[in-house]
Amino acid sequence: AITLVPAFLGETHFNNQSYSLMYGWTEERRELDYLRFAGASDETAKEVKIFGLSDFFGSRYQKLAGEYYQANKNLSVRRAAWGGLLSTVG
């Protein structure tokens, strides 16, 4: 039972960090959903074309999605590395 403690503490720590990441990115995730919907929906296609917004939507989506992906990737790599280390300690 004592051998599970380091892995449990590590998972608890990274679950908290994951929650903080998701909470901190709420506004940006909402914007990503909006950009995806507005840029790819048949309901908004006419307005996007008329106002020439496709480049703006595409570049903004690419920037936000890239930053979000990188933040998630960094957390996942740290979680995996520490998880492996803590499971061998325990």
PDB file of N, CA and C in Angstrom:
ATOM      1  N   ALA A   1       0.827  -1.195   0.000  1.00  0.00           N
ATOM      2  CA  ALA A   1       0.000   0.000   0.000  1.00  0.00           C
ATOM      3  C   ALA A   1       0.869   1.256   0.000  1.00  0.00           C
ATOM      4  N   ILE A   2       1.973   1.203   0.728  1.00  0.00           N
ATOM      5  CA  ILE A   2       2.854   2.369   0.817  1.00  0.00           C
ATOM      6  C   ILE A   2       3.514   2.672  -0.525  1.00  0.00           C
ATOM      7  N   THR A   3       3.647   1.659  -1.361  1.00  0.00           N
ATOM      8  CA  THR A   3       4.292   1.859  -2.659  1.00  0.00           C
ATOM      9  C   THR A   3       3.425   2.663  -3.620  1.00  0.00           C
ATOM     10  N   LEU A   4       2.145   2.732  -3.343  1.00  0.00           N
ATOM     11  CA  LEU A   4       1.236   3.480  -4.215  1.00  0.00           C
ATOM     12  C   LEU A   4       1.230   4.977  -3.921  1.00  0.00           C
ATOM     13  N   VAL A   5       1.734   5.372  -2.779  1.00  0.00           N
ATOM     14  CA  VAL A   5       1.659   6.770  -2.349  1.00  0.00           C
ATOM     15  C   VAL A   5       2.366   7.725  -3.314  1.00  0.00           C
ATOM     16  N   PRO A   6       3.608   7.475  -3.737  1.00  0.00           N
ATOM     17  CA  PRO A   6       4.247   8.431  -4.658  1.00  0.00           C
ATOM     18  C   PRO A   6       3.483   8.597  -5.975  1.00  0.00           C
ATOM     19  N   ALA A   7       3.031   7.492  -6.551  1.00  0.00           N
ATOM     20  CA  ALA A   7       2.280   7.582  -7.807  1.00  0.00           C
ATOM     21  C   ALA A   7       0.960   8.318  -7.598  1.00  0.00           C
ATOM     22  N   PHE A   8       0.296   8.055  -6.484  1.00  0.00           N
ATOM     23  CA  PHE A   8      -0.963   8.728  -6.176  1.00  0.00           C
ATOM     24  C   PHE A   8      -0.753  10.233  -6.027  1.00  0.00           C
ATOM     25  N   LEU A   9       0.290  10.617  -5.306  1.00  0.00           N
ATOM     26  CA  LEU A   9       0.571  12.045  -5.125  1.00  0.00           C
ATOM     27  C   LEU A   9       0.915  12.716  -6.455  1.00  0.00           C
ATOM     28  N   GLY A  10       1.671  12.022  -7.287  1.00  0.00           N
ATOM     29  CA  GLY A  10       2.000  12.565  -8.603  1.00  0.00           C
ATOM     30  C   GLY A  10       0.769  12.753  -9.467  1.00  0.00           C
ATOM     31  N   GLU A  11      -0.095  11.749  -9.489  1.00  0.00           N
ATOM     32  CA  GLU A  11      -1.325  11.858 -10.282  1.00  0.00           C
ATOM     33  C   GLU A  11      -2.221  12.968  -9.756  1.00  0.00           C
ATOM     34  N   THR A  12      -2.312  13.086  -8.444  1.00  0.00           N
ATOM     35  CA  THR A  12      -3.120  14.156  -7.851  1.00  0.00           C
ATOM     36  C   THR A  12      -2.584  15.524  -8.265  1.00  0.00           C
ATOM     37  N   HIS A  13      -1.278  15.673  -8.207  1.00  0.00           N
ATOM     38  CA  HIS A  13      -0.649  16.938  -8.600  1.00  0.00           C
ATOM     39  C   HIS A  13      -0.955  17.268 -10.064  1.00  0.00           C
ATOM     40  N   PHE A  14      -0.780  16.295 -10.947  1.00  0.00           N
ATOM     41  CA  PHE A  14      -0.984  16.570 -12.366  1.00  0.00           C
ATOM     42  C   PHE A  14      -2.460  16.679 -12.735  1.00  0.00           C
ATOM     43  N   ASN A  15      -3.341  16.033 -11.990  1.00  0.00           N
ATOM     44  CA  ASN A  15      -4.774  16.254 -12.205  1.00  0.00           C
ATOM     45  C   ASN A  15      -5.140  17.692 -11.864  1.00  0.00           C
ATOM     46  N   ASN A  16      -4.552  18.213 -10.790  1.00  0.00           N
ATOM     47  CA  ASN A  16      -4.790  19.619 -10.432  1.00  0.00           C
ATOM     48  C   ASN A  16      -4.252  20.555 -11.510  1.00  0.00           C
ATOM     49  N   GLN A  17      -3.074  20.247 -12.030  1.00  0.00           N
ATOM     50  CA  GLN A  17      -2.507  21.086 -13.090  1.00  0.00           C
ATOM     51  C   GLN A  17      -3.346  21.008 -14.363  1.00  0.00           C
ATOM     52  N   SER A  18      -3.847  19.825 -14.666  1.00  0.00           N
ATOM     53  CA  SER A  18      -4.694  19.657 -15.848  1.00  0.00           C
ATOM     54  C   SER A  18      -5.983  20.462 -15.701  1.00  0.00           C
ATOM     55  N   TYR A  19      -6.581  20.412 -14.521  1.00  0.00           N
ATOM     56  CA  TYR A  19      -7.787  21.195 -14.268  1.00  0.00           C
ATOM     57  C   TYR A  19      -7.492  22.687 -14.404  1.00  0.00           C
ATOM     58  N   SER A  20      -6.376  23.119 -13.847  1.00  0.00           N
ATOM     59  CA  SER A  20      -6.003  24.536 -13.943  1.00  0.00           C
ATOM     60  C   SER A  20      -5.803  24.961 -15.391  1.00  0.00           C
ATOM     61  N   LEU A  21      -5.192  24.088 -16.180  1.00  0.00           N
ATOM     62  CA  LEU A  21      -4.993  24.384 -17.599  1.00  0.00           C
ATOM     63  C   LEU A  21      -6.339  24.522 -18.307  1.00  0.00           C
ATOM     64  N   MET A  22      -7.233  23.577 -18.078  1.00  0.00           N
ATOM     65  CA  MET A  22      -8.547  23.630 -18.721  1.00  0.00           C
ATOM     66  C   MET A  22      -9.323  24.872 -18.275  1.00  0.00           C
ATOM     67  N   TYR A  23      -9.282  25.160 -16.986  1.00  0.00           N
ATOM     68  CA  TYR A  23      -9.987  26.325 -16.460  1.00  0.00           C
ATOM     69  C   TYR A  23      -9.390  27.616 -17.017  1.00  0.00           C
ATOM     70  N   GLY A  24      -8.074  27.678 -17.063  1.00  0.00           N
ATOM     71  CA  GLY A  24      -7.407  28.880 -17.559  1.00  0.00           C
ATOM     72  C   GLY A  24      -7.623  29.123 -19.044  1.00  0.00           C
ATOM     73  N   TRP A  25      -7.870  28.057 -19.779  1.00  0.00           N
ATOM     74  CA  TRP A  25      -8.069  28.169 -21.225  1.00  0.00           C
ATOM     75  C   TRP A  25      -9.546  28.193 -21.623  1.00  0.00           C
ATOM     76  N   THR A  26     -10.444  28.379 -20.683  1.00  0.00           N
ATOM     77  CA  THR A  26     -11.878  28.345 -20.988  1.00  0.00           C
ATOM     78  C   THR A  26     -12.249  29.358 -22.063  1.00  0.00           C
ATOM     79  N   GLU A  27     -11.795  30.577 -21.910  1.00  0.00           N
ATOM     80  CA  GLU A  27     -12.138  31.631 -22.870  1.00  0.00           C
ATOM     81  C   GLU A  27     -11.583  31.309 -24.259  1.00  0.00           C
ATOM     82  N   GLU A  28     -10.338  30.850 -24.307  1.00  0.00           N
ATOM     83  CA  GLU A  28      -9.718  30.525 -25.594  1.00  0.00           C
ATOM     84  C   GLU A  28     -10.375  29.308 -26.239  1.00  0.00           C
ATOM     85  N   ARG A  29     -10.746  28.319 -25.436  1.00  0.00           N
ATOM     86  CA  ARG A  29     -11.429  27.138 -25.988  1.00  0.00           C
ATOM     87  C   ARG A  29     -12.791  27.527 -26.562  1.00  0.00           C
ATOM     88  N   ARG A  30     -13.455  28.442 -25.884  1.00  0.00           N
ATOM     89  CA  ARG A  30     -14.739  28.934 -26.386  1.00  0.00           C
ATOM     90  C   ARG A  30     -14.536  29.666 -27.713  1.00  0.00           C
ATOM     91  N   GLU A  31     -13.469  30.460 -27.785  1.00  0.00           N
ATOM     92  CA  GLU A  31     -13.164  31.167 -29.035  1.00  0.00           C
ATOM     93  C   GLU A  31     -12.827  30.178 -30.147  1.00  0.00           C
ATOM     94  N   LEU A  32     -12.085  29.120 -29.822  1.00  0.00           N
ATOM     95  CA  LEU A  32     -11.777  28.086 -30.820  1.00  0.00           C
ATOM     96  C   LEU A  32     -13.056  27.449 -31.356  1.00  0.00           C
ATOM     97  N   ASP A  33     -13.994  27.148 -30.465  1.00  0.00           N
ATOM     98  CA  ASP A  33     -15.266  26.572 -30.906  1.00  0.00           C
ATOM     99  C   ASP A  33     -16.024  27.540 -31.809  1.00  0.00           C
ATOM    100  N   TYR A  34     -16.022  28.820 -31.430  1.00  0.00           N
ATOM    101  CA  TYR A  34     -16.696  29.825 -32.243  1.00  0.00           C
ATOM    102  C   TYR A  34     -16.047  29.939 -33.621  1.00  0.00           C
ATOM    103  N   LEU A  35     -14.718  30.009 -33.650  1.00  0.00           N
ATOM    104  CA  LEU A  35     -14.008  30.129 -34.928  1.00  0.00           C
ATOM    105  C   LEU A  35     -14.258  28.919 -35.817  1.00  0.00           C
ATOM    106  N   ARG A  36     -14.251  27.742 -35.203  1.00  0.00           N
ATOM    107  CA  ARG A  36     -14.505  26.516 -35.965  1.00  0.00           C
ATOM    108  C   ARG A  36     -15.920  26.538 -36.540  1.00  0.00           C
ATOM    109  N   PHE A  37     -16.883  26.923 -35.709  1.00  0.00           N
ATOM    110  CA  PHE A  37     -18.267  26.964 -36.176  1.00  0.00           C
ATOM    111  C   PHE A  37     -18.456  28.024 -37.261  1.00  0.00           C
ATOM    112  N   ALA A  38     -17.977  29.237 -36.995  1.00  0.00           N
ATOM    113  CA  ALA A  38     -18.189  30.337 -37.939  1.00  0.00           C
ATOM    114  C   ALA A  38     -17.433  30.116 -39.243  1.00  0.00           C
ATOM    115  N   GLY A  39     -16.266  29.520 -39.161  1.00  0.00           N
ATOM    116  CA  GLY A  39     -15.463  29.317 -40.362  1.00  0.00           C
ATOM    117  C   GLY A  39     -15.885  28.140 -41.206  1.00  0.00           C
ATOM    118  N   ALA A  40     -16.576  27.173 -40.606  1.00  0.00           N
ATOM    119  CA  ALA A  40     -16.894  25.947 -41.343  1.00  0.00           C
ATOM    120  C   ALA A  40     -18.385  25.678 -41.482  1.00  0.00           C
ATOM    121  N   SER A  41     -19.209  26.564 -40.988  1.00  0.00           N
ATOM    122  CA  SER A  41     -20.650  26.333 -41.019  1.00  0.00           C
ATOM    123  C   SER A  41     -21.267  26.850 -42.312  1.00  0.00           C
ATOM    124  N   ASP A  42     -22.235  26.115 -42.807  1.00  0.00           N
ATOM    125  CA  ASP A  42     -22.948  26.588 -43.996  1.00  0.00           C
ATOM    126  C   ASP A  42     -23.854  27.773 -43.654  1.00  0.00           C
ATOM    127  N   GLU A  43     -24.166  27.941 -42.371  1.00  0.00           N
ATOM    128  CA  GLU A  43     -25.006  29.058 -41.942  1.00  0.00           C
ATOM    129  C   GLU A  43     -24.261  30.391 -42.005  1.00  0.00           C
ATOM    130  N   THR A  44     -22.955  30.364 -41.852  1.00  0.00           N
ATOM    131  CA  THR A  44     -22.174  31.606 -41.834  1.00  0.00           C
ATOM    132  C   THR A  44     -21.282  31.762 -43.065  1.00  0.00           C
ATOM    133  N   ALA A  45     -21.323  30.808 -43.967  1.00  0.00           N
ATOM    134  CA  ALA A  45     -20.416  30.814 -45.126  1.00  0.00           C
ATOM    135  C   ALA A  45     -20.559  32.089 -45.957  1.00  0.00           C
ATOM    136  N   LYS A  46     -21.779  32.534 -46.158  1.00  0.00           N
ATOM    137  CA  LYS A  46     -22.018  33.714 -46.986  1.00  0.00           C
ATOM    138  C   LYS A  46     -21.358  34.960 -46.383  1.00  0.00           C
ATOM    139  N   GLU A  47     -21.553  35.162 -45.077  1.00  0.00           N
ATOM    140  CA  GLU A  47     -20.974  36.330 -44.413  1.00  0.00           C
ATOM    141  C   GLU A  47     -19.446  36.256 -44.389  1.00  0.00           C
ATOM    142  N   VAL A  48     -18.924  35.075 -44.137  1.00  0.00           N
ATOM    143  CA  VAL A  48     -17.469  34.903 -44.112  1.00  0.00           C
ATOM    144  C   VAL A  48     -16.883  35.257 -45.471  1.00  0.00           C
ATOM    145  N   LYS A  49     -17.553  34.831 -46.529  1.00  0.00           N
ATOM    146  CA  LYS A  49     -17.067  35.106 -47.884  1.00  0.00           C
ATOM    147  C   LYS A  49     -17.209  36.591 -48.231  1.00  0.00           C
ATOM    148  N   ILE A  50     -18.359  37.177 -47.923  1.00  0.00           N
ATOM    149  CA  ILE A  50     -18.611  38.581 -48.255  1.00  0.00           C
ATOM    150  C   ILE A  50     -17.605  39.503 -47.563  1.00  0.00           C
ATOM    151  N   PHE A  51     -17.353  39.262 -46.291  1.00  0.00           N
ATOM    152  CA  PHE A  51     -16.467  40.132 -45.514  1.00  0.00           C
ATOM    153  C   PHE A  51     -15.005  39.690 -45.556  1.00  0.00           C
ATOM    154  N   GLY A  52     -14.711  38.638 -46.286  1.00  0.00           N
ATOM    155  CA  GLY A  52     -13.335  38.170 -46.429  1.00  0.00           C
ATOM    156  C   GLY A  52     -12.690  37.747 -45.115  1.00  0.00           C
ATOM    157  N   LEU A  53     -13.435  37.022 -44.319  1.00  0.00           N
ATOM    158  CA  LEU A  53     -12.956  36.654 -42.987  1.00  0.00           C
ATOM    159  C   LEU A  53     -12.267  35.294 -42.914  1.00  0.00           C
ATOM    160  N   SER A  54     -12.213  34.574 -44.005  1.00  0.00           N
ATOM    161  CA  SER A  54     -11.677  33.209 -43.935  1.00  0.00           C
ATOM    162  C   SER A  54     -10.207  33.190 -43.516  1.00  0.00           C
ATOM    163  N   ASP A  55      -9.403  34.118 -44.021  1.00  0.00           N
ATOM    164  CA  ASP A  55      -7.989  34.160 -43.621  1.00  0.00           C
ATOM    165  C   ASP A  55      -7.842  34.515 -42.140  1.00  0.00           C
ATOM    166  N   PHE A  56      -8.647  35.476 -41.696  1.00  0.00           N
ATOM    167  CA  PHE A  56      -8.599  35.860 -40.284  1.00  0.00           C
ATOM    168  C   PHE A  56      -8.991  34.686 -39.394  1.00  0.00           C
ATOM    169  N   PHE A  57     -10.117  34.037 -39.709  1.00  0.00           N
ATOM    170  CA  PHE A  57     -10.570  32.897 -38.907  1.00  0.00           C
ATOM    171  C   PHE A  57      -9.537  31.776 -38.913  1.00  0.00           C
ATOM    172  N   GLY A  58      -8.993  31.501 -40.086  1.00  0.00           N
ATOM    173  CA  GLY A  58      -8.013  30.420 -40.202  1.00  0.00           C
ATOM    174  C   GLY A  58      -6.743  30.691 -39.424  1.00  0.00           C
ATOM    175  N   SER A  59      -6.210  31.899 -39.555  1.00  0.00           N
ATOM    176  CA  SER A  59      -4.954  32.208 -38.853  1.00  0.00           C
ATOM    177  C   SER A  59      -5.171  32.305 -37.347  1.00  0.00           C
ATOM    178  N   ARG A  60      -6.282  32.879 -36.939  1.00  0.00           N
ATOM    179  CA  ARG A  60      -6.569  32.977 -35.497  1.00  0.00           C
ATOM    180  C   ARG A  60      -6.764  31.585 -34.902  1.00  0.00           C
ATOM    181  N   TYR A  61      -7.487  30.722 -35.607  1.00  0.00           N
ATOM    182  CA  TYR A  61      -7.704  29.355 -35.131  1.00  0.00           C
ATOM    183  C   TYR A  61      -6.373  28.608 -35.038  1.00  0.00           C
ATOM    184  N   GLN A  62      -5.553  28.747 -36.062  1.00  0.00           N
ATOM    185  CA  GLN A  62      -4.263  28.054 -36.083  1.00  0.00           C
ATOM    186  C   GLN A  62      -3.383  28.514 -34.915  1.00  0.00           C
ATOM    187  N   LYS A  63      -3.375  29.810 -34.638  1.00  0.00           N
ATOM    188  CA  LYS A  63      -2.559  30.344 -33.540  1.00  0.00           C
ATOM    189  C   LYS A  63      -3.045  29.808 -32.196  1.00  0.00           C
ATOM    190  N   LEU A  64      -4.352  29.932 -31.938  1.00  0.00           N
ATOM    191  CA  LEU A  64      -4.896  29.477 -30.660  1.00  0.00           C
ATOM    192  C   LEU A  64      -4.767  27.971 -30.487  1.00  0.00           C
ATOM    193  N   ALA A  65      -5.086  27.230 -31.539  1.00  0.00           N
ATOM    194  CA  ALA A  65      -5.014  25.770 -31.453  1.00  0.00           C
ATOM    195  C   ALA A  65      -3.578  25.312 -31.224  1.00  0.00           C
ATOM    196  N   GLY A  66      -2.628  25.969 -31.861  1.00  0.00           N
ATOM    197  CA  GLY A  66      -1.223  25.622 -31.665  1.00  0.00           C
ATOM    198  C   GLY A  66      -0.762  25.867 -30.238  1.00  0.00           C
ATOM    199  N   GLU A  67      -1.156  26.998 -29.674  1.00  0.00           N
ATOM    200  CA  GLU A  67      -0.783  27.311 -28.290  1.00  0.00           C
ATOM    201  C   GLU A  67      -1.425  26.330 -27.315  1.00  0.00           C
ATOM    202  N   TYR A  68      -2.687  26.013 -27.564  1.00  0.00           N
ATOM    203  CA  TYR A  68      -3.409  25.077 -26.694  1.00  0.00           C
ATOM    204  C   TYR A  68      -2.804  23.680 -26.790  1.00  0.00           C
ATOM    205  N   TYR A  69      -2.486  23.255 -27.991  1.00  0.00           N
ATOM    206  CA  TYR A  69      -1.855  21.949 -28.198  1.00  0.00           C
ATOM    207  C   TYR A  69      -0.512  21.887 -27.480  1.00  0.00           C
ATOM    208  N   GLN A  70       0.283  22.936 -27.595  1.00  0.00           N
ATOM    209  CA  GLN A  70       1.604  22.956 -26.968  1.00  0.00           C
ATOM    210  C   GLN A  70       1.490  22.908 -25.449  1.00  0.00           C
ATOM    211  N   ALA A  71       0.552  23.651 -24.885  1.00  0.00           N
ATOM    212  CA  ALA A  71       0.363  23.635 -23.429  1.00  0.00           C
ATOM    213  C   ALA A  71      -0.053  22.246 -22.958  1.00  0.00           C
ATOM    214  N   ASN A  72      -0.975  21.610 -23.686  1.00  0.00           N
ATOM    215  CA  ASN A  72      -1.398  20.252 -23.338  1.00  0.00           C
ATOM    216  C   ASN A  72      -0.262  19.258 -23.497  1.00  0.00           C
ATOM    217  N   LYS A  73       0.504  19.407 -24.562  1.00  0.00           N
ATOM    218  CA  LYS A  73       1.625  18.496 -24.816  1.00  0.00           C
ATOM    219  C   LYS A  73       2.666  18.602 -23.707  1.00  0.00           C
ATOM    220  N   ASN A  74       3.010  19.831 -23.326  1.00  0.00           N
ATOM    221  CA  ASN A  74       3.993  20.031 -22.259  1.00  0.00           C
ATOM    222  C   ASN A  74       3.542  19.376 -20.954  1.00  0.00           C
ATOM    223  N   LEU A  75       2.273  19.554 -20.616  1.00  0.00           N
ATOM    224  CA  LEU A  75       1.744  18.946 -19.397  1.00  0.00           C
ATOM    225  C   LEU A  75       1.755  17.424 -19.507  1.00  0.00           C
ATOM    226  N   SER A  76       1.382  16.889 -20.647  1.00  0.00           N
ATOM    227  CA  SER A  76       1.355  15.436 -20.837  1.00  0.00           C
ATOM    228  C   SER A  76       2.745  14.824 -20.736  1.00  0.00           C
ATOM    229  N   VAL A  77       3.723  15.492 -21.310  1.00  0.00           N
ATOM    230  CA  VAL A  77       5.099  14.983 -21.250  1.00  0.00           C
ATOM    231  C   VAL A  77       5.602  14.990 -19.808  1.00  0.00           C
ATOM    232  N   ARG A  78       5.354  16.089 -19.097  1.00  0.00           N
ATOM    233  CA  ARG A  78       5.776  16.149 -17.689  1.00  0.00           C
ATOM    234  C   ARG A  78       5.066  15.088 -16.857  1.00  0.00           C
ATOM    235  N   ARG A  79       3.765  14.922 -17.111  1.00  0.00           N
ATOM    236  CA  ARG A  79       2.989  13.920 -16.365  1.00  0.00           C
ATOM    237  C   ARG A  79       3.535  12.519 -16.622  1.00  0.00           C
ATOM    238  N   ALA A  80       3.822  12.203 -17.873  1.00  0.00           N
ATOM    239  CA  ALA A  80       4.342  10.873 -18.206  1.00  0.00           C
ATOM    240  C   ALA A  80       5.719  10.644 -17.586  1.00  0.00           C
ATOM    241  N   ALA A  81       6.582  11.649 -17.665  1.00  0.00           N
ATOM    242  CA  ALA A  81       7.932  11.503 -17.110  1.00  0.00           C
ATOM    243  C   ALA A  81       7.885  11.313 -15.598  1.00  0.00           C
ATOM    244  N   TRP A  82       7.138  12.167 -14.931  1.00  0.00           N
ATOM    245  CA  TRP A  82       7.043  12.042 -13.476  1.00  0.00           C
ATOM    246  C   TRP A  82       6.295  10.779 -13.074  1.00  0.00           C
ATOM    247  N   GLY A  83       5.282  10.411 -13.832  1.00  0.00           N
ATOM    248  CA  GLY A  83       4.546   9.180 -13.531  1.00  0.00           C
ATOM    249  C   GLY A  83       5.444   7.962 -13.605  1.00  0.00           C
ATOM    250  N   GLY A  84       6.276   7.910 -14.634  1.00  0.00           N
ATOM    251  CA  GLY A  84       7.222   6.801 -14.762  1.00  0.00           C
ATOM    252  C   GLY A  84       8.225   6.782 -13.627  1.00  0.00           C
ATOM    253  N   LEU A  85       8.749   7.945 -13.301  1.00  0.00           N
ATOM    254  CA  LEU A  85       9.728   8.037 -12.216  1.00  0.00           C
ATOM    255  C   LEU A  85       9.110   7.652 -10.871  1.00  0.00           C
ATOM    256  N   LEU A  86       7.928   8.190 -10.596  1.00  0.00           N
ATOM    257  CA  LEU A  86       7.293   7.913  -9.305  1.00  0.00           C
ATOM    258  C   LEU A  86       6.821   6.466  -9.179  1.00  0.00           C
ATOM    259  N   SER A  87       6.451   5.846 -10.289  1.00  0.00           N
ATOM    260  CA  SER A  87       6.035   4.440 -10.205  1.00  0.00           C
ATOM    261  C   SER A  87       7.230   3.521  -9.972  1.00  0.00           C
ATOM    262  N   THR A  88       8.414   3.912 -10.452  1.00  0.00           N
ATOM    263  CA  THR A  88       9.600   3.094 -10.182  1.00  0.00           C
ATOM    264  C   THR A  88      10.103   3.297  -8.758  1.00  0.00           C
ATOM    265  N   VAL A  89       9.885   4.492  -8.205  1.00  0.00           N
ATOM    266  CA  VAL A  89      10.276   4.752  -6.817  1.00  0.00           C
ATOM    267  C   VAL A  89       9.415   3.913  -5.875  1.00  0.00           C
ATOM    268  N   GLY A  90       8.115   3.870  -6.188  1.00  0.00           N
ATOM    269  CA  GLY A  90       7.177   3.140  -5.324  1.00  0.00           C
ATOM    270  C   GLY A  90       7.262   1.712  -5.567  1.00  0.00           C
TER     271      GLY A  90
END
